[in-house]
Amino acid sequence: INWSGGSTYYADSVNGRFTISRDNAKNTVYLQMNSLKPEDT
């Protein structure tokens, strides 16, 4: 995710299942992972 949060890019293997986001006020970046698979281990 870019510095402002306005641009993101994903690996093909996680696109559509994972979401990256950031909260600059909290100095934190997140990775929401849905529909997890054993190969995500």
Full PDB file with SEQRES, HELIX, SHEET, SSBOND, CRYST1, ORIGX, SCALE, CONECT and MASTER records, all heavy atoms in Angstrom:
SEQRES   1 A   41  ILE ASN TRP SER GLY GLY SER THR TYR TYR ALA ASP SER          
SEQRES   2 A   41  VAL ASN GLY ARG PHE THR ILE SER ARG ASP ASN ALA LYS          
SEQRES   3 A   41  ASN THR VAL TYR LEU GLN MET ASN SER LEU LYS PRO GLU          
SEQRES   4 A   41  ASP THR                                                      
HELIX    1 AA1 PRO A   38  ASP A   40  5                                   3    
SHEET    1 AA1 2 PHE A  18  ASP A  23  0                                        
SHEET    2 AA1 2 THR A  28  MET A  33 -1                                        
CRYST1    1.000    1.000    1.000  90.00  90.00  90.00 P 1           1          
ORIGX1      1.000000  0.000000  0.000000        0.00000                         
ORIGX2      0.000000  1.000000  0.000000        0.00000                         
ORIGX3      0.000000  0.000000  1.000000        0.00000                         
SCALE1      1.000000  0.000000  0.000000        0.00000                         
SCALE2      0.000000  1.000000  0.000000        0.00000                         
SCALE3      0.000000  0.000000  1.000000        0.00000                         
ATOM      1  N   ILE A   1       0.851  -1.175   0.000  1.00  0.00           N  
ATOM      2  CA  ILE A   1       0.000   0.000   0.000  1.00  0.00           C  
ATOM      3  C   ILE A   1       0.893   1.233   0.000  1.00  0.00           C  
ATOM      4  O   ILE A   1       1.904   1.269   0.701  1.00  0.00           O  
ATOM      5  CB  ILE A   1      -0.965  -0.025   1.201  1.00  0.00           C  
ATOM      6  CG1 ILE A   1      -1.994   1.099   1.118  1.00  0.00           C  
ATOM      7  CG2 ILE A   1      -0.206   0.024   2.537  1.00  0.00           C  
ATOM      8  CD1 ILE A   1      -3.162   0.909   2.087  1.00  0.00           C  
ATOM      9  N   ASN A   2       0.502   2.244  -0.778  1.00  0.00           N  
ATOM     10  CA  ASN A   2       1.359   3.416  -0.837  1.00  0.00           C  
ATOM     11  C   ASN A   2       1.167   4.290   0.403  1.00  0.00           C  
ATOM     12  O   ASN A   2       0.311   4.023   1.261  1.00  0.00           O  
ATOM     13  CB  ASN A   2       1.127   4.199  -2.128  1.00  0.00           C  
ATOM     14  CG  ASN A   2      -0.133   5.041  -2.098  1.00  0.00           C  
ATOM     15  OD1 ASN A   2      -1.121   4.666  -1.455  1.00  0.00           O  
ATOM     16  ND2 ASN A   2      -0.099   6.163  -2.783  1.00  0.00           N  
ATOM     17  N   TRP A   3       1.942   5.359   0.489  1.00  0.00           N  
ATOM     18  CA  TRP A   3       1.999   6.155   1.709  1.00  0.00           C  
ATOM     19  C   TRP A   3       0.642   6.736   2.099  1.00  0.00           C  
ATOM     20  O   TRP A   3       0.326   6.856   3.281  1.00  0.00           O  
ATOM     21  CB  TRP A   3       3.015   7.293   1.550  1.00  0.00           C  
ATOM     22  CG  TRP A   3       2.586   8.326   0.551  1.00  0.00           C  
ATOM     23  CD1 TRP A   3       2.800   8.315  -0.795  1.00  0.00           C  
ATOM     24  CD2 TRP A   3       1.834   9.508   0.821  1.00  0.00           C  
ATOM     25  NE1 TRP A   3       2.231   9.407  -1.379  1.00  0.00           N  
ATOM     26  CE2 TRP A   3       1.630  10.166  -0.412  1.00  0.00           C  
ATOM     27  CE3 TRP A   3       1.312  10.083   1.983  1.00  0.00           C  
ATOM     28  CZ2 TRP A   3       0.942  11.356  -0.519  1.00  0.00           C  
ATOM     29  CZ3 TRP A   3       0.615  11.276   1.875  1.00  0.00           C  
ATOM     30  CH2 TRP A   3       0.438  11.902   0.636  1.00  0.00           C  
ATOM     31  N   SER A   4      -0.186   7.073   1.125  1.00  0.00           N  
ATOM     32  CA  SER A   4      -1.472   7.700   1.424  1.00  0.00           C  
ATOM     33  C   SER A   4      -2.599   6.696   1.593  1.00  0.00           C  
ATOM     34  O   SER A   4      -3.687   7.044   2.061  1.00  0.00           O  
ATOM     35  CB  SER A   4      -1.846   8.673   0.307  1.00  0.00           C  
ATOM     36  OG  SER A   4      -2.141   7.964  -0.889  1.00  0.00           O  
ATOM     37  N   GLY A   5      -2.360   5.473   1.187  1.00  0.00           N  
ATOM     38  CA  GLY A   5      -3.432   4.479   1.197  1.00  0.00           C  
ATOM     39  C   GLY A   5      -4.249   4.471  -0.072  1.00  0.00           C  
ATOM     40  O   GLY A   5      -5.190   3.689  -0.200  1.00  0.00           O  
ATOM     41  N   GLY A   6      -3.885   5.310  -1.017  1.00  0.00           N  
ATOM     42  CA  GLY A   6      -4.679   5.432  -2.224  1.00  0.00           C  
ATOM     43  C   GLY A   6      -4.364   4.432  -3.311  1.00  0.00           C  
ATOM     44  O   GLY A   6      -5.082   4.345  -4.316  1.00  0.00           O  
ATOM     45  N   SER A   7      -3.309   3.659  -3.129  1.00  0.00           N  
ATOM     46  CA  SER A   7      -2.908   2.691  -4.136  1.00  0.00           C  
ATOM     47  C   SER A   7      -2.481   1.405  -3.464  1.00  0.00           C  
ATOM     48  O   SER A   7      -1.714   1.429  -2.494  1.00  0.00           O  
ATOM     49  CB  SER A   7      -1.752   3.247  -4.963  1.00  0.00           C  
ATOM     50  OG  SER A   7      -1.304   2.301  -5.919  1.00  0.00           O  
ATOM     51  N   THR A   8      -2.991   0.297  -3.964  1.00  0.00           N  
ATOM     52  CA  THR A   8      -2.645  -1.017  -3.425  1.00  0.00           C  
ATOM     53  C   THR A   8      -2.341  -1.978  -4.575  1.00  0.00           C  
ATOM     54  O   THR A   8      -2.765  -1.764  -5.717  1.00  0.00           O  
ATOM     55  CB  THR A   8      -3.782  -1.609  -2.579  1.00  0.00           C  
ATOM     56  OG1 THR A   8      -4.959  -1.729  -3.399  1.00  0.00           O  
ATOM     57  CG2 THR A   8      -4.087  -0.725  -1.375  1.00  0.00           C  
ATOM     58  N   TYR A   9      -1.615  -3.028  -4.232  1.00  0.00           N  
ATOM     59  CA  TYR A   9      -1.298  -4.056  -5.220  1.00  0.00           C  
ATOM     60  C   TYR A   9      -1.150  -5.375  -4.486  1.00  0.00           C  
ATOM     61  O   TYR A   9      -0.613  -5.408  -3.371  1.00  0.00           O  
ATOM     62  CB  TYR A   9      -0.004  -3.703  -5.958  1.00  0.00           C  
ATOM     63  CG  TYR A   9       0.346  -4.667  -7.065  1.00  0.00           C  
ATOM     64  CD1 TYR A   9      -0.352  -4.643  -8.266  1.00  0.00           C  
ATOM     65  CD2 TYR A   9       1.361  -5.607  -6.907  1.00  0.00           C  
ATOM     66  CE1 TYR A   9      -0.040  -5.527  -9.285  1.00  0.00           C  
ATOM     67  CE2 TYR A   9       1.677  -6.487  -7.918  1.00  0.00           C  
ATOM     68  CZ  TYR A   9       0.973  -6.446  -9.105  1.00  0.00           C  
ATOM     69  OH  TYR A   9       1.280  -7.320 -10.110  1.00  0.00           O  
ATOM     70  N   TYR A  10      -1.631  -6.464  -5.119  1.00  0.00           N  
ATOM     71  CA  TYR A  10      -1.670  -7.764  -4.464  1.00  0.00           C  
ATOM     72  C   TYR A  10      -1.016  -8.836  -5.324  1.00  0.00           C  
ATOM     73  O   TYR A  10      -1.060  -8.776  -6.565  1.00  0.00           O  
ATOM     74  CB  TYR A  10      -3.116  -8.177  -4.200  1.00  0.00           C  
ATOM     75  CG  TYR A  10      -3.858  -7.253  -3.268  1.00  0.00           C  
ATOM     76  CD1 TYR A  10      -4.589  -6.183  -3.754  1.00  0.00           C  
ATOM     77  CD2 TYR A  10      -3.837  -7.467  -1.888  1.00  0.00           C  
ATOM     78  CE1 TYR A  10      -5.264  -5.334  -2.903  1.00  0.00           C  
ATOM     79  CE2 TYR A  10      -4.519  -6.621  -1.027  1.00  0.00           C  
ATOM     80  CZ  TYR A  10      -5.227  -5.549  -1.549  1.00  0.00           C  
ATOM     81  OH  TYR A  10      -5.901  -4.717  -0.697  1.00  0.00           O  
ATOM     82  N   ALA A  11      -0.485  -9.831  -4.653  1.00  0.00           N  
ATOM     83  CA  ALA A  11      -0.064 -11.037  -5.347  1.00  0.00           C  
ATOM     84  C   ALA A  11      -1.300 -11.742  -5.889  1.00  0.00           C  
ATOM     85  O   ALA A  11      -2.385 -11.693  -5.277  1.00  0.00           O  
ATOM     86  CB  ALA A  11       0.698 -11.954  -4.390  1.00  0.00           C  
ATOM     87  N   ASP A  12      -1.138 -12.407  -7.011  1.00  0.00           N  
ATOM     88  CA  ASP A  12      -2.271 -13.111  -7.618  1.00  0.00           C  
ATOM     89  C   ASP A  12      -2.875 -14.128  -6.653  1.00  0.00           C  
ATOM     90  O   ASP A  12      -4.089 -14.354  -6.648  1.00  0.00           O  
ATOM     91  CB  ASP A  12      -1.816 -13.818  -8.902  1.00  0.00           C  
ATOM     92  CG  ASP A  12      -1.509 -12.851 -10.034  1.00  0.00           C  
ATOM     93  OD1 ASP A  12      -1.927 -11.670  -9.950  1.00  0.00           O  
ATOM     94  OD2 ASP A  12      -0.854 -13.273 -11.007  1.00  0.00           O  
ATOM     95  N   SER A  13      -2.033 -14.745  -5.837  1.00  0.00           N  
ATOM     96  CA  SER A  13      -2.492 -15.825  -4.955  1.00  0.00           C  
ATOM     97  C   SER A  13      -3.435 -15.345  -3.865  1.00  0.00           C  
ATOM     98  O   SER A  13      -4.161 -16.159  -3.280  1.00  0.00           O  
ATOM     99  CB  SER A  13      -1.288 -16.522  -4.323  1.00  0.00           C  
ATOM    100  OG  SER A  13      -0.504 -15.595  -3.589  1.00  0.00           O  
ATOM    101  N   VAL A  14      -3.437 -14.051  -3.575  1.00  0.00           N  
ATOM    102  CA  VAL A  14      -4.280 -13.539  -2.487  1.00  0.00           C  
ATOM    103  C   VAL A  14      -5.295 -12.511  -2.978  1.00  0.00           C  
ATOM    104  O   VAL A  14      -6.171 -12.099  -2.216  1.00  0.00           O  
ATOM    105  CB  VAL A  14      -3.430 -12.916  -1.365  1.00  0.00           C  
ATOM    106  CG1 VAL A  14      -2.369 -13.907  -0.881  1.00  0.00           C  
ATOM    107  CG2 VAL A  14      -2.798 -11.605  -1.780  1.00  0.00           C  
ATOM    108  N   ASN A  15      -5.179 -12.091  -4.222  1.00  0.00           N  
ATOM    109  CA  ASN A  15      -6.074 -11.067  -4.760  1.00  0.00           C  
ATOM    110  C   ASN A  15      -7.528 -11.511  -4.654  1.00  0.00           C  
ATOM    111  O   ASN A  15      -7.874 -12.625  -5.061  1.00  0.00           O  
ATOM    112  CB  ASN A  15      -5.695 -10.772  -6.208  1.00  0.00           C  
ATOM    113  CG  ASN A  15      -6.265  -9.452  -6.694  1.00  0.00           C  
ATOM    114  OD1 ASN A  15      -6.610  -8.581  -5.908  1.00  0.00           O  
ATOM    115  ND2 ASN A  15      -6.341  -9.298  -7.999  1.00  0.00           N  
ATOM    116  N   GLY A  16      -8.335 -10.642  -4.075  1.00  0.00           N  
ATOM    117  CA  GLY A  16      -9.743 -10.965  -3.886  1.00  0.00           C  
ATOM    118  C   GLY A  16     -10.055 -11.590  -2.543  1.00  0.00           C  
ATOM    119  O   GLY A  16     -11.222 -11.672  -2.146  1.00  0.00           O  
ATOM    120  N   ARG A  17      -9.022 -12.042  -1.833  1.00  0.00           N  
ATOM    121  CA  ARG A  17      -9.224 -12.645  -0.499  1.00  0.00           C  
ATOM    122  C   ARG A  17      -8.620 -11.778   0.604  1.00  0.00           C  
ATOM    123  O   ARG A  17      -9.141 -11.748   1.716  1.00  0.00           O  
ATOM    124  CB  ARG A  17      -8.588 -14.030  -0.446  1.00  0.00           C  
ATOM    125  CG  ARG A  17      -9.164 -15.023  -1.430  1.00  0.00           C  
ATOM    126  CD  ARG A  17      -8.613 -16.434  -1.170  1.00  0.00           C  
ATOM    127  NE  ARG A  17      -7.172 -16.519  -1.351  1.00  0.00           N  
ATOM    128  CZ  ARG A  17      -6.324 -16.931  -0.405  1.00  0.00           C  
ATOM    129  NH1 ARG A  17      -6.771 -17.291   0.776  1.00  0.00           N  
ATOM    130  NH2 ARG A  17      -5.021 -16.980  -0.656  1.00  0.00           N  
ATOM    131  N   PHE A  18      -7.520 -11.123   0.312  1.00  0.00           N  
ATOM    132  CA  PHE A  18      -6.819 -10.295   1.300  1.00  0.00           C  
ATOM    133  C   PHE A  18      -7.013  -8.820   0.962  1.00  0.00           C  
ATOM    134  O   PHE A  18      -7.104  -8.436  -0.212  1.00  0.00           O  
ATOM    135  CB  PHE A  18      -5.326 -10.595   1.298  1.00  0.00           C  
ATOM    136  CG  PHE A  18      -4.930 -11.943   1.825  1.00  0.00           C  
ATOM    137  CD1 PHE A  18      -5.868 -12.933   2.098  1.00  0.00           C  
ATOM    138  CD2 PHE A  18      -3.594 -12.238   2.060  1.00  0.00           C  
ATOM    139  CE1 PHE A  18      -5.492 -14.185   2.592  1.00  0.00           C  
ATOM    140  CE2 PHE A  18      -3.191 -13.464   2.543  1.00  0.00           C  
ATOM    141  CZ  PHE A  18      -4.146 -14.438   2.801  1.00  0.00           C  
ATOM    142  N   THR A  19      -7.027  -7.986   2.010  1.00  0.00           N  
ATOM    143  CA  THR A  19      -7.123  -6.541   1.822  1.00  0.00           C  
ATOM    144  C   THR A  19      -6.096  -5.849   2.705  1.00  0.00           C  
ATOM    145  O   THR A  19      -6.079  -6.070   3.921  1.00  0.00           O  
ATOM    146  CB  THR A  19      -8.518  -6.023   2.165  1.00  0.00           C  
ATOM    147  OG1 THR A  19      -9.491  -6.686   1.347  1.00  0.00           O  
ATOM    148  CG2 THR A  19      -8.612  -4.520   1.922  1.00  0.00           C  
ATOM    149  N   ILE A  20      -5.262  -5.021   2.098  1.00  0.00           N  
ATOM    150  CA  ILE A  20      -4.299  -4.229   2.856  1.00  0.00           C  
ATOM    151  C   ILE A  20      -4.866  -2.830   3.048  1.00  0.00           C  
ATOM    152  O   ILE A  20      -5.504  -2.264   2.147  1.00  0.00           O  
ATOM    153  CB  ILE A  20      -2.929  -4.185   2.142  1.00  0.00           C  
ATOM    154  CG1 ILE A  20      -1.864  -3.534   3.027  1.00  0.00           C  
ATOM    155  CG2 ILE A  20      -3.031  -3.503   0.784  1.00  0.00           C  
ATOM    156  CD1 ILE A  20      -0.444  -3.661   2.468  1.00  0.00           C  
ATOM    157  N   SER A  21      -4.653  -2.276   4.237  1.00  0.00           N  
ATOM    158  CA  SER A  21      -5.111  -0.921   4.526  1.00  0.00           C  
ATOM    159  C   SER A  21      -4.158  -0.302   5.545  1.00  0.00           C  
ATOM    160  O   SER A  21      -3.311  -0.999   6.122  1.00  0.00           O  
ATOM    161  CB  SER A  21      -6.539  -0.926   5.061  1.00  0.00           C  
ATOM    162  OG  SER A  21      -6.624  -1.654   6.275  1.00  0.00           O  
ATOM    163  N   ARG A  22      -4.286   1.003   5.758  1.00  0.00           N  
ATOM    164  CA  ARG A  22      -3.441   1.658   6.742  1.00  0.00           C  
ATOM    165  C   ARG A  22      -4.215   2.784   7.401  1.00  0.00           C  
ATOM    166  O   ARG A  22      -5.112   3.378   6.803  1.00  0.00           O  
ATOM    167  CB  ARG A  22      -2.152   2.175   6.107  1.00  0.00           C  
ATOM    168  CG  ARG A  22      -2.328   3.284   5.085  1.00  0.00           C  
ATOM    169  CD  ARG A  22      -1.024   3.541   4.325  1.00  0.00           C  
ATOM    170  NE  ARG A  22       0.030   4.072   5.186  1.00  0.00           N  
ATOM    171  CZ  ARG A  22       1.318   4.086   4.852  1.00  0.00           C  
ATOM    172  NH1 ARG A  22       1.715   3.565   3.703  1.00  0.00           N  
ATOM    173  NH2 ARG A  22       2.215   4.598   5.679  1.00  0.00           N  
ATOM    174  N   ASP A  23      -3.830   3.050   8.647  1.00  0.00           N  
ATOM    175  CA  ASP A  23      -4.368   4.167   9.395  1.00  0.00           C  
ATOM    176  C   ASP A  23      -3.177   5.020   9.802  1.00  0.00           C  
ATOM    177  O   ASP A  23      -2.461   4.687  10.758  1.00  0.00           O  
ATOM    178  CB  ASP A  23      -5.132   3.661  10.620  1.00  0.00           C  
ATOM    179  CG  ASP A  23      -5.819   4.780  11.384  1.00  0.00           C  
ATOM    180  OD1 ASP A  23      -5.396   5.950  11.277  1.00  0.00           O  
ATOM    181  OD2 ASP A  23      -6.774   4.479  12.116  1.00  0.00           O  
ATOM    182  N   ASN A  24      -2.945   6.090   9.079  1.00  0.00           N  
ATOM    183  CA  ASN A  24      -1.754   6.904   9.329  1.00  0.00           C  
ATOM    184  C   ASN A  24      -1.826   7.629  10.674  1.00  0.00           C  
ATOM    185  O   ASN A  24      -0.791   7.949  11.255  1.00  0.00           O  
ATOM    186  CB  ASN A  24      -1.531   7.885   8.183  1.00  0.00           C  
ATOM    187  CG  ASN A  24      -1.021   7.199   6.924  1.00  0.00           C  
ATOM    188  OD1 ASN A  24      -0.496   6.089   6.973  1.00  0.00           O  
ATOM    189  ND2 ASN A  24      -1.193   7.854   5.791  1.00  0.00           N  
ATOM    190  N   ALA A  25      -3.019   7.871  11.163  1.00  0.00           N  
ATOM    191  CA  ALA A  25      -3.150   8.510  12.479  1.00  0.00           C  
ATOM    192  C   ALA A  25      -2.693   7.564  13.590  1.00  0.00           C  
ATOM    193  O   ALA A  25      -2.265   8.016  14.654  1.00  0.00           O  
ATOM    194  CB  ALA A  25      -4.586   8.930  12.715  1.00  0.00           C  
ATOM    195  N   LYS A  26      -2.779   6.262  13.330  1.00  0.00           N  
ATOM    196  CA  LYS A  26      -2.377   5.255  14.319  1.00  0.00           C  
ATOM    197  C   LYS A  26      -1.036   4.604  13.973  1.00  0.00           C  
ATOM    198  O   LYS A  26      -0.604   3.684  14.662  1.00  0.00           O  
ATOM    199  CB  LYS A  26      -3.451   4.174  14.438  1.00  0.00           C  
ATOM    200  CG  LYS A  26      -4.781   4.678  14.985  1.00  0.00           C  
ATOM    201  CD  LYS A  26      -5.771   3.547  15.134  1.00  0.00           C  
ATOM    202  CE  LYS A  26      -7.095   4.043  15.712  1.00  0.00           C  
ATOM    203  NZ  LYS A  26      -8.088   2.952  15.867  1.00  0.00           N  
ATOM    204  N   ASN A  27      -0.413   5.054  12.884  1.00  0.00           N  
ATOM    205  CA  ASN A  27       0.868   4.478  12.459  1.00  0.00           C  
ATOM    206  C   ASN A  27       0.787   2.960  12.323  1.00  0.00           C  
ATOM    207  O   ASN A  27       1.700   2.227  12.744  1.00  0.00           O  
ATOM    208  CB  ASN A  27       1.988   4.845  13.448  1.00  0.00           C  
ATOM    209  CG  ASN A  27       2.362   6.308  13.388  1.00  0.00           C  
ATOM    210  OD1 ASN A  27       1.899   7.048  12.524  1.00  0.00           O  
ATOM    211  ND2 ASN A  27       3.197   6.736  14.316  1.00  0.00           N  
ATOM    212  N   THR A  28      -0.287   2.498  11.714  1.00  0.00           N  
ATOM    213  CA  THR A  28      -0.530   1.063  11.644  1.00  0.00           C  
ATOM    214  C   THR A  28      -0.991   0.665  10.244  1.00  0.00           C  
ATOM    215  O   THR A  28      -1.783   1.383   9.621  1.00  0.00           O  
ATOM    216  CB  THR A  28      -1.587   0.632  12.678  1.00  0.00           C  
ATOM    217  OG1 THR A  28      -1.134   0.998  13.992  1.00  0.00           O  
ATOM    218  CG2 THR A  28      -1.818  -0.870  12.639  1.00  0.00           C  
ATOM    219  N   VAL A  29      -0.486  -0.463   9.785  1.00  0.00           N  
ATOM    220  CA  VAL A  29      -0.949  -1.061   8.539  1.00  0.00           C  
ATOM    221  C   VAL A  29      -1.582  -2.403   8.871  1.00  0.00           C  
ATOM    222  O   VAL A  29      -1.156  -3.089   9.816  1.00  0.00           O  
ATOM    223  CB  VAL A  29       0.199  -1.200   7.525  1.00  0.00           C  
ATOM    224  CG1 VAL A  29       1.290  -2.120   8.041  1.00  0.00           C  
ATOM    225  CG2 VAL A  29      -0.316  -1.673   6.175  1.00  0.00           C  
ATOM    226  N   TYR A  30      -2.617  -2.754   8.120  1.00  0.00           N  
ATOM    227  CA  TYR A  30      -3.393  -3.959   8.387  1.00  0.00           C  
ATOM    228  C   TYR A  30      -3.388  -4.886   7.177  1.00  0.00           C  
ATOM    229  O   TYR A  30      -3.231  -4.439   6.030  1.00  0.00           O  
ATOM    230  CB  TYR A  30      -4.837  -3.602   8.731  1.00  0.00           C  
ATOM    231  CG  TYR A  30      -4.980  -2.633   9.878  1.00  0.00           C  
ATOM    232  CD1 TYR A  30      -5.173  -1.278   9.655  1.00  0.00           C  
ATOM    233  CD2 TYR A  30      -4.927  -3.081  11.197  1.00  0.00           C  
ATOM    234  CE1 TYR A  30      -5.309  -0.385  10.697  1.00  0.00           C  
ATOM    235  CE2 TYR A  30      -5.057  -2.186  12.252  1.00  0.00           C  
ATOM    236  CZ  TYR A  30      -5.245  -0.844  11.993  1.00  0.00           C  
ATOM    237  OH  TYR A  30      -5.370   0.032  13.032  1.00  0.00           O  
ATOM    238  N   LEU A  31      -3.607  -6.169   7.461  1.00  0.00           N  
ATOM    239  CA  LEU A  31      -3.841  -7.131   6.397  1.00  0.00           C  
ATOM    240  C   LEU A  31      -5.036  -7.978   6.822  1.00  0.00           C  
ATOM    241  O   LEU A  31      -4.925  -8.809   7.730  1.00  0.00           O  
ATOM    242  CB  LEU A  31      -2.621  -8.011   6.145  1.00  0.00           C  
ATOM    243  CG  LEU A  31      -2.758  -8.957   4.951  1.00  0.00           C  
ATOM    244  CD1 LEU A  31      -2.786  -8.162   3.635  1.00  0.00           C  
ATOM    245  CD2 LEU A  31      -1.626  -9.977   4.926  1.00  0.00           C  
ATOM    246  N   GLN A  32      -6.173  -7.715   6.201  1.00  0.00           N  
ATOM    247  CA  GLN A  32      -7.374  -8.519   6.443  1.00  0.00           C  
ATOM    248  C   GLN A  32      -7.319  -9.722   5.522  1.00  0.00           C  
ATOM    249  O   GLN A  32      -7.257  -9.569   4.298  1.00  0.00           O  
ATOM    250  CB  GLN A  32      -8.630  -7.691   6.174  1.00  0.00           C  
ATOM    251  CG  GLN A  32      -9.926  -8.469   6.340  1.00  0.00           C  
ATOM    252  CD  GLN A  32     -10.180  -8.888   7.777  1.00  0.00           C  
ATOM    253  OE1 GLN A  32     -10.003  -8.085   8.697  1.00  0.00           O  
ATOM    254  NE2 GLN A  32     -10.592 -10.122   7.972  1.00  0.00           N  
ATOM    255  N   MET A  33      -7.357 -10.911   6.109  1.00  0.00           N  
ATOM    256  CA  MET A  33      -7.243 -12.153   5.349  1.00  0.00           C  
ATOM    257  C   MET A  33      -8.526 -12.950   5.492  1.00  0.00           C  
ATOM    258  O   MET A  33      -8.874 -13.370   6.604  1.00  0.00           O  
ATOM    259  CB  MET A  33      -6.043 -12.959   5.844  1.00  0.00           C  
ATOM    260  CG  MET A  33      -4.732 -12.170   5.847  1.00  0.00           C  
ATOM    261  SD  MET A  33      -3.301 -13.162   6.268  1.00  0.00           S  
ATOM    262  CE  MET A  33      -3.695 -13.591   7.963  1.00  0.00           C  
ATOM    263  N   ASN A  34      -9.227 -13.139   4.409  1.00  0.00           N  
ATOM    264  CA  ASN A  34     -10.467 -13.900   4.381  1.00  0.00           C  
ATOM    265  C   ASN A  34     -10.299 -15.152   3.526  1.00  0.00           C  
ATOM    266  O   ASN A  34      -9.364 -15.255   2.732  1.00  0.00           O  
ATOM    267  CB  ASN A  34     -11.595 -13.038   3.823  1.00  0.00           C  
ATOM    268  CG  ASN A  34     -11.873 -11.812   4.664  1.00  0.00           C  
ATOM    269  OD1 ASN A  34     -11.688 -11.809   5.880  1.00  0.00           O  
ATOM    270  ND2 ASN A  34     -12.332 -10.750   4.014  1.00  0.00           N  
ATOM    271  N   SER A  35     -11.215 -16.075   3.686  1.00  0.00           N  
ATOM    272  CA  SER A  35     -11.207 -17.320   2.901  1.00  0.00           C  
ATOM    273  C   SER A  35      -9.830 -17.969   2.929  1.00  0.00           C  
ATOM    274  O   SER A  35      -9.289 -18.375   1.897  1.00  0.00           O  
ATOM    275  CB  SER A  35     -11.630 -17.034   1.458  1.00  0.00           C  
ATOM    276  OG  SER A  35     -12.913 -16.443   1.414  1.00  0.00           O  
ATOM    277  N   LEU A  36      -9.286 -18.087   4.119  1.00  0.00           N  
ATOM    278  CA  LEU A  36      -7.931 -18.605   4.248  1.00  0.00           C  
ATOM    279  C   LEU A  36      -7.838 -20.058   3.822  1.00  0.00           C  
ATOM    280  O   LEU A  36      -8.785 -20.849   3.995  1.00  0.00           O  
ATOM    281  CB  LEU A  36      -7.452 -18.443   5.690  1.00  0.00           C  
ATOM    282  CG  LEU A  36      -7.018 -17.021   6.041  1.00  0.00           C  
ATOM    283  CD1 LEU A  36      -7.010 -16.796   7.546  1.00  0.00           C  
ATOM    284  CD2 LEU A  36      -5.648 -16.725   5.456  1.00  0.00           C  
ATOM    285  N   LYS A  37      -6.683 -20.386   3.268  1.00  0.00           N  
ATOM    286  CA  LYS A  37      -6.412 -21.730   2.768  1.00  0.00           C  
ATOM    287  C   LYS A  37      -5.177 -22.286   3.489  1.00  0.00           C  
ATOM    288  O   LYS A  37      -4.330 -21.511   3.946  1.00  0.00           O  
ATOM    289  CB  LYS A  37      -6.116 -21.681   1.269  1.00  0.00           C  
ATOM    290  CG  LYS A  37      -7.204 -21.043   0.435  1.00  0.00           C  
ATOM    291  CD  LYS A  37      -6.770 -20.933  -1.019  1.00  0.00           C  
ATOM    292  CE  LYS A  37      -7.828 -20.255  -1.873  1.00  0.00           C  
ATOM    293  NZ  LYS A  37      -7.403 -20.142  -3.291  1.00  0.00           N  
ATOM    294  N   PRO A  38      -5.038 -23.598   3.560  1.00  0.00           N  
ATOM    295  CA  PRO A  38      -3.837 -24.168   4.197  1.00  0.00           C  
ATOM    296  C   PRO A  38      -2.544 -23.640   3.570  1.00  0.00           C  
ATOM    297  O   PRO A  38      -1.539 -23.477   4.280  1.00  0.00           O  
ATOM    298  CB  PRO A  38      -4.005 -25.662   3.964  1.00  0.00           C  
ATOM    299  CG  PRO A  38      -5.492 -25.864   3.937  1.00  0.00           C  
ATOM    300  CD  PRO A  38      -6.033 -24.645   3.238  1.00  0.00           C  
ATOM    301  N   GLU A  39      -2.556 -23.352   2.298  1.00  0.00           N  
ATOM    302  CA  GLU A  39      -1.338 -22.855   1.637  1.00  0.00           C  
ATOM    303  C   GLU A  39      -1.007 -21.415   2.023  1.00  0.00           C  
ATOM    304  O   GLU A  39       0.044 -20.893   1.635  1.00  0.00           O  
ATOM    305  CB  GLU A  39      -1.444 -22.977   0.111  1.00  0.00           C  
ATOM    306  CG  GLU A  39      -2.703 -22.391  -0.480  1.00  0.00           C  
ATOM    307  CD  GLU A  39      -3.780 -23.450  -0.715  1.00  0.00           C  
ATOM    308  OE1 GLU A  39      -3.987 -24.307   0.188  1.00  0.00           O  
ATOM    309  OE2 GLU A  39      -4.423 -23.407  -1.786  1.00  0.00           O  
ATOM    310  N   ASP A  40      -1.874 -20.763   2.787  1.00  0.00           N  
ATOM    311  CA  ASP A  40      -1.558 -19.428   3.318  1.00  0.00           C  
ATOM    312  C   ASP A  40      -0.717 -19.522   4.594  1.00  0.00           C  
ATOM    313  O   ASP A  40      -0.278 -18.495   5.122  1.00  0.00           O  
ATOM    314  CB  ASP A  40      -2.838 -18.649   3.618  1.00  0.00           C  
ATOM    315  CG  ASP A  40      -3.643 -18.325   2.370  1.00  0.00           C  
ATOM    316  OD1 ASP A  40      -3.028 -17.953   1.352  1.00  0.00           O  
ATOM    317  OD2 ASP A  40      -4.883 -18.444   2.429  1.00  0.00           O  
ATOM    318  N   THR A  41      -0.517 -20.716   5.104  1.00  0.00           N  
ATOM    319  CA  THR A  41       0.283 -20.906   6.309  1.00  0.00           C  
ATOM    320  C   THR A  41       1.710 -20.422   6.083  1.00  0.00           C  
ATOM    321  O   THR A  41       2.379 -20.844   5.139  1.00  0.00           O  
ATOM    322  CB  THR A  41       0.297 -22.388   6.712  1.00  0.00           C  
ATOM    323  OG1 THR A  41      -1.030 -22.771   7.069  1.00  0.00           O  
ATOM    324  CG2 THR A  41       1.230 -22.629   7.883  1.00  0.00           C  
TER     325      THR A  41                                                      
MASTER        0    0    0    1    2    0    0    6  324    1    0    4          
END                                                                             
